């Protein structure tokens, strides 16, 4: 581009939050008849590139139609003064039709929310979705409530060109939605979804609020029926990963099976570049059968039960079975202080969970976490090409199962208690029966293909666009009938 290439560059970079544009004049240049600018105004390239810049604006930003019309009008005045050709020639050079198409095809301005940069499926998925939205060309920002202590490794997972807004003030969130022109919010925690309980109109300017359920509402967190009813009014679509997520809505007659407001969408990941952690680095023999658990180190994630099951499986099988535990938290701290058996490797927090899974033979999580829905750590393991052993909580059974079988093994809980002996027998069987193990490995690729983040993000984008269109239709209908936005 000869004329407006810098404008187009700035229009893209602005969406990364690193620079701002001011209409104030800060430097000036002399205009005279023989200037380069005046010469350029007489050429087709000038009007073509003005059109490209305008098309870029229309494709990236939600500007009023009056702005588009003013741009066309001022460009036409220049054309008339310096070229003096026909209106048809101007529109052809300016490519007005492509600008209108770009405006119609513009993707929504999206904000993804999280409570903070902290290890956890409901905290990691928003980051991965924001990254993928950015990759797909969507204008996206990440809102963090900044509640838990920041984990720098989690913060580094977010692309550098995704702007971050961090505040715990709900009124500030309302202002951000207005000032940033946010059209679609994608929330992932009840903490944010219940904002209307305190500030009723916090989400009133959104065209879409697609709220993902991660198991927080149906188990604890002090969610009352009245709070859920209030929050529901501020949500256009609820996304769930497990049927149990819907129970609180069914209990108070908010869930209708035929309603398009409840949509099942799997969680997803970007298939990673796999860099296995060296077994030598961890002091693990190459011929050992190795399990790996990546999770928060809290009691309900079953680190203690997994160690007990591995210890018994070693005795049952006569094989050298090891387990790698990746994550931080209370249980990790306790093991660091009191010590762990020799067959346990404590990795602590790592942003290369896939690398640890790749170093193992199988993943494992003997969870009794009642809020478990769709643990992304299982998808990490599948992307590393390894099958998984897990307790039957949340949607884990469906995650690992396809028509031809299970990519690993599901262990039923007994009154929410892990049956250690059953788990040990499962581990011992995989460690000693090569055919059984290879059959599970053979299912991993087909199972994992369902959880690519690009496919999952595309489903969310379709929901944003659908809900925004419905919202606009409601506003248009209300304007025609004299109903106010507040009434809606």
Foldseek 3Di string as FASTA:
>chain_A
DPECPVLLVCLLLVLLVPDDDDPDDDDDDDDDCPDPVNVVLQDLQVLLVLLVSLLSCLQAHDDDVVVVVVSLVVNVVSCCVRHVDDPVSSCVSSVVVSSVVSNVNHFFAEEEEDQAQDDDPLHQLSQQLQQLCVVVPHRYAYEYQHDDDHDVLSVVSHDSSHHYHYHVDLVVLLVCCVVVVHAEYEYRDPSVLLSCVVVVCSQLSHLAYEYEAQLPQLDDPPDDLVSVVSSVVSHQAYEYAFPSSCVSCVVVVNDDPPDPRYHYFAGFHALDDADADDVVVQVHDPLAAEEEEEHAQDVQQCPVLVLLLQVVLCVVQVTLYAYEYEEYDDNLVVCVVVPDDPRYGYPYHDSNLLNHLLSHQEYETAGLPQSHAHGCSQLSNLSSLHAYEYEPHHCVQVLQDDPVGGLAYYAYADVSHGPSNVSNVSSNCCSRPVVVSVVSSVCSVVSSVSRHSNVSSVVVSVNSVVSSVVSVVVVVVCVVVVHDSVND
